[in-house]
Amino acid sequence: MTDGEKLLLSNQVCFPVVVASRLITRVYSPFLEELDLTYPQYLVLLALWETDRQTVGELSRKLFLDSNTLTPLLKRMEEKELVYRNRSKQDERSVVISLSETGIGLKEKAVCIPDQIIRSLEGSSVSTEEILKFRETLGKLIAILDK
């Protein structure tokens, strides 16, 4: 690869990842709109459905979001009565996020979303197996980059 080719947009690792992320978020949007959720809110709920009662710091690490990005998001989710934010009794500096009844109830409605996403991609030139393998590869890349 020549020096000139090294800087072509089409030869960058970052560009297709950023574009794919934006486009995947767009695929999720109609399914999340039915639940009155944004994509970041959905990610927070996924993390809390997996393990309820997490500190902002734990959620921040799990979701790869800075706490200054996550905190306003959590405040809006509390206003929508999806979560509760409470100071930890063990450490007043920590805020514990837990699911409300509404947040718990959304899990039943959201359980079909992963299948709907896969179905929306069916018939394309990418198989379900390829998508799952790509997810696995991205997971490895994230682990390397997060060191």
C-alpha atoms as a PDB file:
ATOM      1  CA  MET A   1       0.000   0.000   0.000  1.00  0.00           C
ATOM      2  CA  THR A   2       1.423   3.365  -0.979  1.00  0.00           C
ATOM      3  CA  ASP A   3       1.556   6.316   1.389  1.00  0.00           C
ATOM      4  CA  GLY A   4      -1.264   7.949  -0.567  1.00  0.00           C
ATOM      5  CA  GLU A   5      -3.445   4.853  -0.233  1.00  0.00           C
ATOM      6  CA  LYS A   6      -2.868   4.650   3.535  1.00  0.00           C
ATOM      7  CA  LEU A   7      -4.960   7.765   4.043  1.00  0.00           C
ATOM      8  CA  LEU A   8      -7.864   6.821   1.819  1.00  0.00           C
ATOM      9  CA  LEU A   9     -11.104   6.772   3.752  1.00  0.00           C
ATOM     10  CA  SER A  10     -11.864   3.314   2.367  1.00  0.00           C
ATOM     11  CA  ASN A  11      -8.634   1.946   3.901  1.00  0.00           C
ATOM     12  CA  GLN A  12      -9.338   3.117   7.458  1.00  0.00           C
ATOM     13  CA  VAL A  13     -10.379   0.620  10.162  1.00  0.00           C
ATOM     14  CA  CYS A  14     -12.291   3.274  12.094  1.00  0.00           C
ATOM     15  CA  PHE A  15     -14.590   4.495   9.345  1.00  0.00           C
ATOM     16  CA  PRO A  16     -16.624   1.333   8.618  1.00  0.00           C
ATOM     17  CA  VAL A  17     -16.946   0.686  12.364  1.00  0.00           C
ATOM     18  CA  VAL A  18     -18.360   4.179  12.995  1.00  0.00           C
ATOM     19  CA  VAL A  19     -20.699   3.965   9.999  1.00  0.00           C
ATOM     20  CA  ALA A  20     -21.875   0.462  10.960  1.00  0.00           C
ATOM     21  CA  SER A  21     -22.583   1.644  14.503  1.00  0.00           C
ATOM     22  CA  ARG A  22     -24.683   4.561  13.258  1.00  0.00           C
ATOM     23  CA  LEU A  23     -26.586   2.381  10.784  1.00  0.00           C
ATOM     24  CA  ILE A  24     -27.209  -0.400  13.319  1.00  0.00           C
ATOM     25  CA  THR A  25     -28.612   2.197  15.706  1.00  0.00           C
ATOM     26  CA  ARG A  26     -30.933   3.314  12.904  1.00  0.00           C
ATOM     27  CA  VAL A  27     -32.127  -0.290  12.429  1.00  0.00           C
ATOM     28  CA  TYR A  28     -33.000  -0.474  16.147  1.00  0.00           C
ATOM     29  CA  SER A  29     -34.860   2.858  16.166  1.00  0.00           C
ATOM     30  CA  PRO A  30     -38.314   1.745  14.971  1.00  0.00           C
ATOM     31  CA  PHE A  31     -38.402  -1.129  17.461  1.00  0.00           C
ATOM     32  CA  LEU A  32     -37.301   1.133  20.315  1.00  0.00           C
ATOM     33  CA  GLU A  33     -39.713   3.906  19.360  1.00  0.00           C
ATOM     34  CA  GLU A  34     -42.565   1.476  20.050  1.00  0.00           C
ATOM     35  CA  LEU A  35     -41.234   1.270  23.624  1.00  0.00           C
ATOM     36  CA  ASP A  36     -40.542   5.028  23.827  1.00  0.00           C
ATOM     37  CA  LEU A  37     -36.822   4.329  24.294  1.00  0.00           C
ATOM     38  CA  THR A  38     -33.693   5.774  22.793  1.00  0.00           C
ATOM     39  CA  TYR A  39     -30.857   3.442  21.861  1.00  0.00           C
ATOM     40  CA  PRO A  40     -28.689   4.536  24.854  1.00  0.00           C
ATOM     41  CA  GLN A  41     -31.665   4.004  27.204  1.00  0.00           C
ATOM     42  CA  TYR A  42     -32.099   0.520  25.744  1.00  0.00           C
ATOM     43  CA  LEU A  43     -28.439  -0.256  26.447  1.00  0.00           C
ATOM     44  CA  VAL A  44     -28.818   0.864  30.067  1.00  0.00           C
ATOM     45  CA  LEU A  45     -31.911  -1.313  30.442  1.00  0.00           C
ATOM     46  CA  LEU A  46     -30.109  -4.304  28.923  1.00  0.00           C
ATOM     47  CA  ALA A  47     -27.333  -3.901  31.487  1.00  0.00           C
ATOM     48  CA  LEU A  48     -29.837  -3.572  34.354  1.00  0.00           C
ATOM     49  CA  TRP A  49     -31.980  -6.497  33.170  1.00  0.00           C
ATOM     50  CA  GLU A  50     -28.804  -8.541  33.306  1.00  0.00           C
ATOM     51  CA  THR A  51     -27.874  -7.290  36.787  1.00  0.00           C
ATOM     52  CA  ASP A  52     -30.169  -4.921  38.660  1.00  0.00           C
ATOM     53  CA  ARG A  53     -28.820  -2.451  41.209  1.00  0.00           C
ATOM     54  CA  GLN A  54     -25.545  -1.230  39.741  1.00  0.00           C
ATOM     55  CA  THR A  55     -23.576   1.878  40.549  1.00  0.00           C
ATOM     56  CA  VAL A  56     -23.139   4.566  37.933  1.00  0.00           C
ATOM     57  CA  GLY A  57     -19.465   3.563  37.814  1.00  0.00           C
ATOM     58  CA  GLU A  58     -20.314  -0.081  37.114  1.00  0.00           C
ATOM     59  CA  LEU A  59     -22.737   0.901  34.359  1.00  0.00           C
ATOM     60  CA  SER A  60     -20.195   3.337  32.958  1.00  0.00           C
ATOM     61  CA  ARG A  61     -17.578   0.584  32.666  1.00  0.00           C
ATOM     62  CA  LYS A  62     -20.017  -1.982  31.282  1.00  0.00           C
ATOM     63  CA  LEU A  63     -21.410   0.394  28.637  1.00  0.00           C
ATOM     64  CA  PHE A  64     -18.108   2.138  27.832  1.00  0.00           C
ATOM     65  CA  LEU A  65     -19.709   5.516  28.576  1.00  0.00           C
ATOM     66  CA  ASP A  66     -18.213   8.333  30.631  1.00  0.00           C
ATOM     67  CA  SER A  67     -20.167   9.078  33.785  1.00  0.00           C
ATOM     68  CA  ASN A  68     -20.720  12.665  32.568  1.00  0.00           C
ATOM     69  CA  THR A  69     -22.528  11.156  29.540  1.00  0.00           C
ATOM     70  CA  LEU A  70     -24.340   8.510  31.559  1.00  0.00           C
ATOM     71  CA  THR A  71     -25.589  10.713  34.421  1.00  0.00           C
ATOM     72  CA  PRO A  72     -27.916  12.946  32.336  1.00  0.00           C
ATOM     73  CA  LEU A  73     -29.171   9.846  30.525  1.00  0.00           C
ATOM     74  CA  LEU A  74     -30.000   8.199  33.862  1.00  0.00           C
ATOM     75  CA  LYS A  75     -31.733  11.368  35.085  1.00  0.00           C
ATOM     76  CA  ARG A  76     -33.983  11.331  32.004  1.00  0.00           C
ATOM     77  CA  MET A  77     -34.676   7.635  32.558  1.00  0.00           C
ATOM     78  CA  GLU A  78     -35.644   8.373  36.164  1.00  0.00           C
ATOM     79  CA  GLU A  79     -37.988  11.145  34.952  1.00  0.00           C
ATOM     80  CA  LYS A  80     -39.610   8.539  32.662  1.00  0.00           C
ATOM     81  CA  GLU A  81     -39.919   6.278  35.738  1.00  0.00           C
ATOM     82  CA  LEU A  82     -37.745   3.539  34.211  1.00  0.00           C
ATOM     83  CA  VAL A  83     -35.097   3.553  36.948  1.00  0.00           C
ATOM     84  CA  TYR A  84     -34.402   4.823  40.444  1.00  0.00           C
ATOM     85  CA  ARG A  85     -31.229   6.653  41.421  1.00  0.00           C
ATOM     86  CA  ASN A  86     -30.256   6.404  45.077  1.00  0.00           C
ATOM     87  CA  ARG A  87     -27.101   7.225  47.018  1.00  0.00           C
ATOM     88  CA  SER A  88     -25.346   4.120  48.281  1.00  0.00           C
ATOM     89  CA  LYS A  89     -25.683   3.618  52.028  1.00  0.00           C
ATOM     90  CA  GLN A  90     -22.181   2.120  52.112  1.00  0.00           C
ATOM     91  CA  ASP A  91     -20.554   4.924  50.097  1.00  0.00           C
ATOM     92  CA  GLU A  92     -22.353   8.256  49.827  1.00  0.00           C
ATOM     93  CA  ARG A  93     -20.227   9.131  46.764  1.00  0.00           C
ATOM     94  CA  SER A  94     -21.790   6.264  44.767  1.00  0.00           C
ATOM     95  CA  VAL A  95     -25.193   6.379  43.130  1.00  0.00           C
ATOM     96  CA  VAL A  96     -26.969   3.052  42.724  1.00  0.00           C
ATOM     97  CA  ILE A  97     -29.247   2.596  39.725  1.00  0.00           C
ATOM     98  CA  SER A  98     -32.093   0.117  39.998  1.00  0.00           C
ATOM     99  CA  LEU A  99     -35.026  -0.795  37.804  1.00  0.00           C
ATOM    100  CA  SER A 100     -38.489   0.522  38.533  1.00  0.00           C
ATOM    101  CA  GLU A 101     -41.572  -1.613  37.939  1.00  0.00           C
ATOM    102  CA  THR A 102     -41.964   0.121  34.577  1.00  0.00           C
ATOM    103  CA  GLY A 103     -38.341  -0.677  33.691  1.00  0.00           C
ATOM    104  CA  ILE A 104     -38.810  -4.302  34.718  1.00  0.00           C
ATOM    105  CA  GLY A 105     -42.050  -4.516  32.710  1.00  0.00           C
ATOM    106  CA  LEU A 106     -40.373  -3.291  29.531  1.00  0.00           C
ATOM    107  CA  LYS A 107     -38.219  -6.422  29.476  1.00  0.00           C
ATOM    108  CA  GLU A 108     -41.189  -8.525  28.353  1.00  0.00           C
ATOM    109  CA  LYS A 109     -41.872  -6.102  25.502  1.00  0.00           C
ATOM    110  CA  ALA A 110     -38.205  -5.844  24.488  1.00  0.00           C
ATOM    111  CA  VAL A 111     -37.416  -9.561  24.439  1.00  0.00           C
ATOM    112  CA  CYS A 112     -38.417  -9.795  20.770  1.00  0.00           C
ATOM    113  CA  ILE A 113     -36.072  -7.012  19.605  1.00  0.00           C
ATOM    114  CA  PRO A 114     -32.936  -9.141  19.010  1.00  0.00           C
ATOM    115  CA  ASP A 115     -34.915 -11.559  16.823  1.00  0.00           C
ATOM    116  CA  GLN A 116     -36.537  -8.640  14.979  1.00  0.00           C
ATOM    117  CA  ILE A 117     -33.102  -7.169  14.261  1.00  0.00           C
ATOM    118  CA  ILE A 118     -31.819 -10.473  12.884  1.00  0.00           C
ATOM    119  CA  ARG A 119     -35.003 -10.912  10.811  1.00  0.00           C
ATOM    120  CA  SER A 120     -34.619  -7.403   9.401  1.00  0.00           C
ATOM    121  CA  LEU A 121     -31.226  -8.449   8.041  1.00  0.00           C
ATOM    122  CA  GLU A 122     -32.404 -11.764   6.601  1.00  0.00           C
ATOM    123  CA  GLY A 123     -32.362 -12.027   2.849  1.00  0.00           C
ATOM    124  CA  SER A 124     -29.318  -9.808   2.685  1.00  0.00           C
ATOM    125  CA  SER A 125     -25.950 -11.083   1.549  1.00  0.00           C
ATOM    126  CA  VAL A 126     -24.888 -11.517   5.189  1.00  0.00           C
ATOM    127  CA  SER A 127     -25.958 -14.658   7.045  1.00  0.00           C
ATOM    128  CA  THR A 128     -26.949 -14.831  10.711  1.00  0.00           C
ATOM    129  CA  GLU A 129     -23.809 -16.880  11.337  1.00  0.00           C
ATOM    130  CA  GLU A 130     -21.666 -14.150   9.782  1.00  0.00           C
ATOM    131  CA  ILE A 131     -23.339 -11.519  11.946  1.00  0.00           C
ATOM    132  CA  LEU A 132     -22.718 -13.557  15.092  1.00  0.00           C
ATOM    133  CA  LYS A 133     -19.095 -14.189  14.085  1.00  0.00           C
ATOM    134  CA  PHE A 134     -18.652 -10.466  13.418  1.00  0.00           C
ATOM    135  CA  ARG A 135     -20.011  -9.694  16.891  1.00  0.00           C
ATOM    136  CA  GLU A 136     -17.484 -12.128  18.350  1.00  0.00           C
ATOM    137  CA  THR A 137     -14.642 -10.518  16.384  1.00  0.00           C
ATOM    138  CA  LEU A 138     -15.732  -7.042  17.501  1.00  0.00           C
ATOM    139  CA  GLY A 139     -15.760  -8.288  21.095  1.00  0.00           C
ATOM    140  CA  LYS A 140     -12.129  -9.372  20.723  1.00  0.00           C
ATOM    141  CA  LEU A 141     -11.217  -6.026  19.183  1.00  0.00           C
ATOM    142  CA  ILE A 142     -12.940  -4.139  22.013  1.00  0.00           C
ATOM    143  CA  ALA A 143     -11.045  -6.194  24.603  1.00  0.00           C
ATOM    144  CA  ILE A 144      -7.729  -5.369  22.883  1.00  0.00           C
ATOM    145  CA  LEU A 145      -8.530  -1.662  22.562  1.00  0.00           C
ATOM    146  CA  ASP A 146      -9.780  -1.387  26.155  1.00  0.00           C
ATOM    147  CA  LYS A 147      -6.421  -2.368  27.664  1.00  0.00           C
END
